[in-house]
Amino acid sequence: TFSAMKSLHFVTPKVLLPATLAAIKGTVNRRGQRYGLPLLQFVAMRLFYAFVGFEAFVIKFNMAAKSQSTATSFLGAAVAALAFLNQMLGVVDVNKFAHRRLFVFIFGGEDGFMSDREEMVAKTYLAMLAQHTYAACKTKKPRWLWFLVATLSYGDQDFQRLTLCNTEPIHRQKKGATSKVFDKDDEPI
């Protein structure tokens, strides 16, 4: 769902500072080939997000303050305060933030920055993952429904499982071999 308050996600310091550094590094790495337009677009979008998010915050804050002052019982005041708190906690999209950090870790290299080429490698990985997922759903009926369920439920834990699995692909395994994943104490999971 869309919430104007979620626009503040893009201007929180933990998101804004790394994104600003990445935009500046991207401009430097391109050696100004695009005349700094991506950096200008980045700044314009962040200003827009800040404006929309701040306006939404002021409106929600005024509504919460009005509900707080007109509440006739402690329960009514507590519900209004908790509703506002819930909206404020929803500003930072933790899943999106964690997903981005994970991709920077995997594809970004030592500098902790994803260049245009590394962004393309990450997108290629996601495209190949979708292609392999679709191929794996060929025995299921209806195929498209299985594919949608598999891709829409794919998360960071699945990514970790795929990257840390230390087995050969199934078509290269010897007959009768089973693939195992081990925990930190070398015990099969």
C-alpha atoms as a PDB file:
ATOM      1  CA  THR A   1       0.000   0.000   0.000  1.00  0.00           C
ATOM      2  CA  PHE A   2       1.063   3.572  -0.558  1.00  0.00           C
ATOM      3  CA  SER A   3       1.390   6.006   2.294  1.00  0.00           C
ATOM      4  CA  ALA A   4       2.684   9.545   1.959  1.00  0.00           C
ATOM      5  CA  MET A   5       4.438   9.053   5.302  1.00  0.00           C
ATOM      6  CA  LYS A   6       6.562   6.322   3.680  1.00  0.00           C
ATOM      7  CA  SER A   7       8.130   9.036   1.530  1.00  0.00           C
ATOM      8  CA  LEU A   8      10.151   9.899   4.630  1.00  0.00           C
ATOM      9  CA  HIS A   9      11.923   6.548   4.251  1.00  0.00           C
ATOM     10  CA  PHE A  10      14.025   8.006   1.438  1.00  0.00           C
ATOM     11  CA  VAL A  11      15.189  10.970   3.529  1.00  0.00           C
ATOM     12  CA  THR A  12      16.025   9.186   6.779  1.00  0.00           C
ATOM     13  CA  PRO A  13      19.760   9.476   7.485  1.00  0.00           C
ATOM     14  CA  LYS A  14      20.443   5.721   7.253  1.00  0.00           C
ATOM     15  CA  VAL A  15      18.970   5.645   3.761  1.00  0.00           C
ATOM     16  CA  LEU A  16      19.792   9.154   2.507  1.00  0.00           C
ATOM     17  CA  LEU A  17      23.521   9.211   3.273  1.00  0.00           C
ATOM     18  CA  PRO A  18      24.487   5.920   1.543  1.00  0.00           C
ATOM     19  CA  ALA A  19      22.218   6.755  -1.393  1.00  0.00           C
ATOM     20  CA  THR A  20      23.793  10.216  -1.716  1.00  0.00           C
ATOM     21  CA  LEU A  21      27.291   8.741  -1.664  1.00  0.00           C
ATOM     22  CA  ALA A  22      26.256   6.170  -4.272  1.00  0.00           C
ATOM     23  CA  ALA A  23      24.794   8.899  -6.509  1.00  0.00           C
ATOM     24  CA  ILE A  24      27.952  10.999  -6.201  1.00  0.00           C
ATOM     25  CA  LYS A  25      30.211   7.987  -6.859  1.00  0.00           C
ATOM     26  CA  GLY A  26      28.087   7.080  -9.868  1.00  0.00           C
ATOM     27  CA  THR A  27      28.502  10.566 -11.284  1.00  0.00           C
ATOM     28  CA  VAL A  28      32.257  10.491 -10.685  1.00  0.00           C
ATOM     29  CA  ASN A  29      32.598   6.994 -12.201  1.00  0.00           C
ATOM     30  CA  ARG A  30      30.708   8.089 -15.321  1.00  0.00           C
ATOM     31  CA  ARG A  31      33.070  11.079 -15.542  1.00  0.00           C
ATOM     32  CA  GLY A  32      30.167  13.435 -16.134  1.00  0.00           C
ATOM     33  CA  GLN A  33      29.036  11.609 -19.281  1.00  0.00           C
ATOM     34  CA  ARG A  34      25.417  12.396 -18.534  1.00  0.00           C
ATOM     35  CA  TYR A  35      26.189  15.963 -17.432  1.00  0.00           C
ATOM     36  CA  GLY A  36      25.306  15.144 -13.830  1.00  0.00           C
ATOM     37  CA  LEU A  37      21.621  14.663 -14.694  1.00  0.00           C
ATOM     38  CA  PRO A  38      21.249  11.478 -12.592  1.00  0.00           C
ATOM     39  CA  LEU A  39      22.622  13.372  -9.571  1.00  0.00           C
ATOM     40  CA  LEU A  40      20.278  16.291 -10.244  1.00  0.00           C
ATOM     41  CA  GLN A  41      17.364  13.870 -10.586  1.00  0.00           C
ATOM     42  CA  PHE A  42      18.392  12.197  -7.310  1.00  0.00           C
ATOM     43  CA  VAL A  43      18.441  15.531  -5.456  1.00  0.00           C
ATOM     44  CA  ALA A  44      15.101  16.613  -6.959  1.00  0.00           C
ATOM     45  CA  MET A  45      13.426  13.335  -6.017  1.00  0.00           C
ATOM     46  CA  ARG A  46      14.776  13.446  -2.451  1.00  0.00           C
ATOM     47  CA  LEU A  47      13.512  17.023  -2.051  1.00  0.00           C
ATOM     48  CA  PHE A  48      10.116  15.912  -3.352  1.00  0.00           C
ATOM     49  CA  TYR A  49      10.053  12.958  -0.942  1.00  0.00           C
ATOM     50  CA  ALA A  50      11.016  15.235   1.942  1.00  0.00           C
ATOM     51  CA  PHE A  51       8.273  17.729   1.084  1.00  0.00           C
ATOM     52  CA  VAL A  52       5.526  15.121   0.667  1.00  0.00           C
ATOM     53  CA  GLY A  53       6.622  13.170   3.742  1.00  0.00           C
ATOM     54  CA  PHE A  54       6.865  16.266   5.928  1.00  0.00           C
ATOM     55  CA  GLU A  55       3.418  17.460   4.837  1.00  0.00           C
ATOM     56  CA  ALA A  56       1.949  14.039   5.610  1.00  0.00           C
ATOM     57  CA  PHE A  57       3.713  14.021   8.989  1.00  0.00           C
ATOM     58  CA  VAL A  58       2.328  17.449   9.923  1.00  0.00           C
ATOM     59  CA  ILE A  59      -1.197  16.430   8.927  1.00  0.00           C
ATOM     60  CA  LYS A  60      -1.018  13.137  10.846  1.00  0.00           C
ATOM     61  CA  PHE A  61       0.565  14.828  13.855  1.00  0.00           C
ATOM     62  CA  ASN A  62      -2.192  17.460  13.978  1.00  0.00           C
ATOM     63  CA  MET A  63      -4.841  14.749  13.687  1.00  0.00           C
ATOM     64  CA  ALA A  64      -3.216  12.742  16.497  1.00  0.00           C
ATOM     65  CA  ALA A  65      -2.877  15.845  18.697  1.00  0.00           C
ATOM     66  CA  LYS A  66      -6.534  16.757  18.108  1.00  0.00           C
ATOM     67  CA  SER A  67      -7.619  13.176  18.890  1.00  0.00           C
ATOM     68  CA  GLN A  68      -5.456  13.238  22.001  1.00  0.00           C
ATOM     69  CA  SER A  69      -6.906  16.490  23.301  1.00  0.00           C
ATOM     70  CA  THR A  70     -10.541  15.608  22.566  1.00  0.00           C
ATOM     71  CA  ALA A  71     -10.346  12.056  23.914  1.00  0.00           C
ATOM     72  CA  THR A  72     -12.825  11.451  26.721  1.00  0.00           C
ATOM     73  CA  SER A  73     -11.057   8.433  28.150  1.00  0.00           C
ATOM     74  CA  PHE A  74      -7.567   7.104  28.650  1.00  0.00           C
ATOM     75  CA  LEU A  75      -8.293   4.261  26.236  1.00  0.00           C
ATOM     76  CA  GLY A  76      -9.299   6.659  23.442  1.00  0.00           C
ATOM     77  CA  ALA A  77      -6.143   8.720  23.971  1.00  0.00           C
ATOM     78  CA  ALA A  78      -3.970   5.602  24.052  1.00  0.00           C
ATOM     79  CA  VAL A  79      -5.491   4.280  20.812  1.00  0.00           C
ATOM     80  CA  ALA A  80      -4.866   7.621  19.060  1.00  0.00           C
ATOM     81  CA  ALA A  81      -1.271   7.720  20.309  1.00  0.00           C
ATOM     82  CA  LEU A  82      -0.627   4.094  19.301  1.00  0.00           C
ATOM     83  CA  ALA A  83      -2.112   4.667  15.832  1.00  0.00           C
ATOM     84  CA  PHE A  84       0.241   7.615  15.275  1.00  0.00           C
ATOM     85  CA  LEU A  85       3.186   5.620  16.650  1.00  0.00           C
ATOM     86  CA  ASN A  86       2.359   2.744  14.299  1.00  0.00           C
ATOM     87  CA  GLN A  87       2.417   5.108  11.322  1.00  0.00           C
ATOM     88  CA  MET A  88       5.732   6.592  12.415  1.00  0.00           C
ATOM     89  CA  LEU A  89       7.319   3.153  12.814  1.00  0.00           C
ATOM     90  CA  GLY A  90       6.137   2.240   9.327  1.00  0.00           C
ATOM     91  CA  VAL A  91       8.193   5.055   7.774  1.00  0.00           C
ATOM     92  CA  VAL A  92      11.344   2.951   7.445  1.00  0.00           C
ATOM     93  CA  ASP A  93      10.720  -0.050   5.225  1.00  0.00           C
ATOM     94  CA  VAL A  94      12.999  -2.516   6.974  1.00  0.00           C
ATOM     95  CA  ASN A  95      12.616  -5.226   4.321  1.00  0.00           C
ATOM     96  CA  LYS A  96      13.599  -2.886   1.493  1.00  0.00           C
ATOM     97  CA  PHE A  97      16.521  -1.544   3.534  1.00  0.00           C
ATOM     98  CA  ALA A  98      17.754  -5.049   4.425  1.00  0.00           C
ATOM     99  CA  HIS A  99      17.361  -6.234   0.818  1.00  0.00           C
ATOM    100  CA  ARG A 100      19.422  -3.325  -0.482  1.00  0.00           C
ATOM    101  CA  ARG A 101      22.158  -3.859   2.132  1.00  0.00           C
ATOM    102  CA  LEU A 102      22.282  -7.568   1.290  1.00  0.00           C
ATOM    103  CA  PHE A 103      22.686  -6.850  -2.410  1.00  0.00           C
ATOM    104  CA  VAL A 104      25.395  -4.255  -1.738  1.00  0.00           C
ATOM    105  CA  PHE A 105      27.203  -6.861   0.370  1.00  0.00           C
ATOM    106  CA  ILE A 106      26.962  -9.589  -2.271  1.00  0.00           C
ATOM    107  CA  PHE A 107      27.377  -7.600  -5.482  1.00  0.00           C
ATOM    108  CA  GLY A 108      28.993  -4.342  -4.350  1.00  0.00           C
ATOM    109  CA  GLY A 109      32.525  -5.524  -3.784  1.00  0.00           C
ATOM    110  CA  GLU A 110      35.070  -4.188  -1.329  1.00  0.00           C
ATOM    111  CA  ASP A 111      34.066  -0.546  -1.619  1.00  0.00           C
ATOM    112  CA  GLY A 112      30.509  -1.211  -0.426  1.00  0.00           C
ATOM    113  CA  PHE A 113      29.117   0.629  -3.446  1.00  0.00           C
ATOM    114  CA  MET A 114      27.254  -0.797  -6.416  1.00  0.00           C
ATOM    115  CA  SER A 115      28.493   0.629  -9.689  1.00  0.00           C
ATOM    116  CA  ASP A 116      26.287   0.621 -12.794  1.00  0.00           C
ATOM    117  CA  ARG A 117      27.912  -2.643 -13.868  1.00  0.00           C
ATOM    118  CA  GLU A 118      27.322  -4.256 -10.459  1.00  0.00           C
ATOM    119  CA  GLU A 119      23.705  -3.045 -10.531  1.00  0.00           C
ATOM    120  CA  MET A 120      23.324  -4.783 -13.882  1.00  0.00           C
ATOM    121  CA  VAL A 121      24.886  -7.973 -12.484  1.00  0.00           C
ATOM    122  CA  ALA A 122      22.374  -7.920  -9.605  1.00  0.00           C
ATOM    123  CA  LYS A 123      19.479  -7.366 -12.029  1.00  0.00           C
ATOM    124  CA  THR A 124      20.785 -10.179 -14.223  1.00  0.00           C
ATOM    125  CA  TYR A 125      20.916 -12.447 -11.176  1.00  0.00           C
ATOM    126  CA  LEU A 126      17.276 -11.620 -10.383  1.00  0.00           C
ATOM    127  CA  ALA A 127      16.257 -12.233 -14.001  1.00  0.00           C
ATOM    128  CA  MET A 128      18.055 -15.588 -14.059  1.00  0.00           C
ATOM    129  CA  LEU A 129      16.469 -16.488 -10.727  1.00  0.00           C
ATOM    130  CA  ALA A 130      13.027 -15.751 -12.174  1.00  0.00           C
ATOM    131  CA  GLN A 131      13.863 -17.807 -15.275  1.00  0.00           C
ATOM    132  CA  HIS A 132      15.011 -20.800 -13.190  1.00  0.00           C
ATOM    133  CA  THR A 133      12.000 -20.478 -10.893  1.00  0.00           C
ATOM    134  CA  TYR A 134       9.675 -20.537 -13.894  1.00  0.00           C
ATOM    135  CA  ALA A 135      11.464 -23.580 -15.291  1.00  0.00           C
ATOM    136  CA  ALA A 136      11.209 -25.353 -11.916  1.00  0.00           C
ATOM    137  CA  CYS A 137       7.430 -24.799 -11.918  1.00  0.00           C
ATOM    138  CA  LYS A 138       6.932 -26.701 -15.186  1.00  0.00           C
ATOM    139  CA  THR A 139       5.635 -29.822 -13.444  1.00  0.00           C
ATOM    140  CA  LYS A 140       3.087 -27.886 -11.403  1.00  0.00           C
ATOM    141  CA  LYS A 141      -0.416 -27.069 -12.568  1.00  0.00           C
ATOM    142  CA  PRO A 142      -1.296 -24.216 -13.119  1.00  0.00           C
ATOM    143  CA  ARG A 143       2.305 -23.265 -13.816  1.00  0.00           C
ATOM    144  CA  TRP A 144       1.818 -19.490 -13.712  1.00  0.00           C
ATOM    145  CA  LEU A 145       0.150 -19.668 -10.283  1.00  0.00           C
ATOM    146  CA  TRP A 146       3.013 -21.696  -8.816  1.00  0.00           C
ATOM    147  CA  PHE A 147       5.481 -19.250 -10.354  1.00  0.00           C
ATOM    148  CA  LEU A 148       3.667 -16.255  -8.850  1.00  0.00           C
ATOM    149  CA  VAL A 149       3.510 -17.862  -5.414  1.00  0.00           C
ATOM    150  CA  ALA A 150       7.188 -18.815  -5.528  1.00  0.00           C
ATOM    151  CA  THR A 151       8.409 -15.407  -6.697  1.00  0.00           C
ATOM    152  CA  LEU A 152       6.144 -13.292  -4.500  1.00  0.00           C
ATOM    153  CA  SER A 153       7.056 -15.253  -1.384  1.00  0.00           C
ATOM    154  CA  TYR A 154      10.802 -15.172  -2.133  1.00  0.00           C
ATOM    155  CA  GLY A 155      12.678 -13.380   0.640  1.00  0.00           C
ATOM    156  CA  ASP A 156      16.063 -12.742   2.184  1.00  0.00           C
ATOM    157  CA  GLN A 157      16.104 -16.136   3.915  1.00  0.00           C
ATOM    158  CA  ASP A 158      15.620 -17.850   0.553  1.00  0.00           C
ATOM    159  CA  PHE A 159      18.451 -15.766  -0.903  1.00  0.00           C
ATOM    160  CA  GLN A 160      20.684 -16.794   1.997  1.00  0.00           C
ATOM    161  CA  ARG A 161      19.736 -20.442   1.548  1.00  0.00           C
ATOM    162  CA  LEU A 162      20.579 -20.280  -2.160  1.00  0.00           C
ATOM    163  CA  THR A 163      23.923 -18.554  -1.690  1.00  0.00           C
ATOM    164  CA  LEU A 164      25.126 -20.636   1.269  1.00  0.00           C
ATOM    165  CA  CYS A 165      24.073 -24.034  -0.050  1.00  0.00           C
ATOM    166  CA  ASN A 166      27.346 -25.817  -0.698  1.00  0.00           C
ATOM    167  CA  THR A 167      26.075 -28.588  -2.944  1.00  0.00           C
ATOM    168  CA  GLU A 168      26.449 -29.177  -6.644  1.00  0.00           C
ATOM    169  CA  PRO A 169      23.490 -28.637  -8.945  1.00  0.00           C
ATOM    170  CA  ILE A 170      21.140 -31.605  -9.028  1.00  0.00           C
ATOM    171  CA  HIS A 171      22.042 -32.562 -12.615  1.00  0.00           C
ATOM    172  CA  ARG A 172      25.744 -32.925 -11.593  1.00  0.00           C
ATOM    173  CA  GLN A 173      25.186 -34.957  -8.431  1.00  0.00           C
ATOM    174  CA  LYS A 174      25.916 -38.677  -8.342  1.00  0.00           C
ATOM    175  CA  LYS A 175      22.930 -40.961  -8.166  1.00  0.00           C
ATOM    176  CA  GLY A 176      21.712 -41.442  -4.613  1.00  0.00           C
ATOM    177  CA  ALA A 177      23.591 -38.380  -3.309  1.00  0.00           C
ATOM    178  CA  THR A 178      21.590 -36.064  -1.113  1.00  0.00           C
ATOM    179  CA  SER A 179      22.252 -32.402  -0.641  1.00  0.00           C
ATOM    180  CA  LYS A 180      22.706 -31.241   2.919  1.00  0.00           C
ATOM    181  CA  VAL A 181      22.974 -27.865   4.552  1.00  0.00           C
ATOM    182  CA  PHE A 182      25.000 -27.642   7.737  1.00  0.00           C
ATOM    183  CA  ASP A 183      24.700 -25.305  10.699  1.00  0.00           C
ATOM    184  CA  LYS A 184      27.638 -23.573  12.429  1.00  0.00           C
ATOM    185  CA  ASP A 185      28.538 -26.778  14.344  1.00  0.00           C
ATOM    186  CA  ASP A 186      28.719 -28.849  11.126  1.00  0.00           C
ATOM    187  CA  GLU A 187      25.492 -30.644  11.997  1.00  0.00           C
ATOM    188  CA  PRO A 188      23.048 -31.385   9.158  1.00  0.00           C
ATOM    189  CA  ILE A 189      19.969 -29.205   9.256  1.00  0.00           C
END
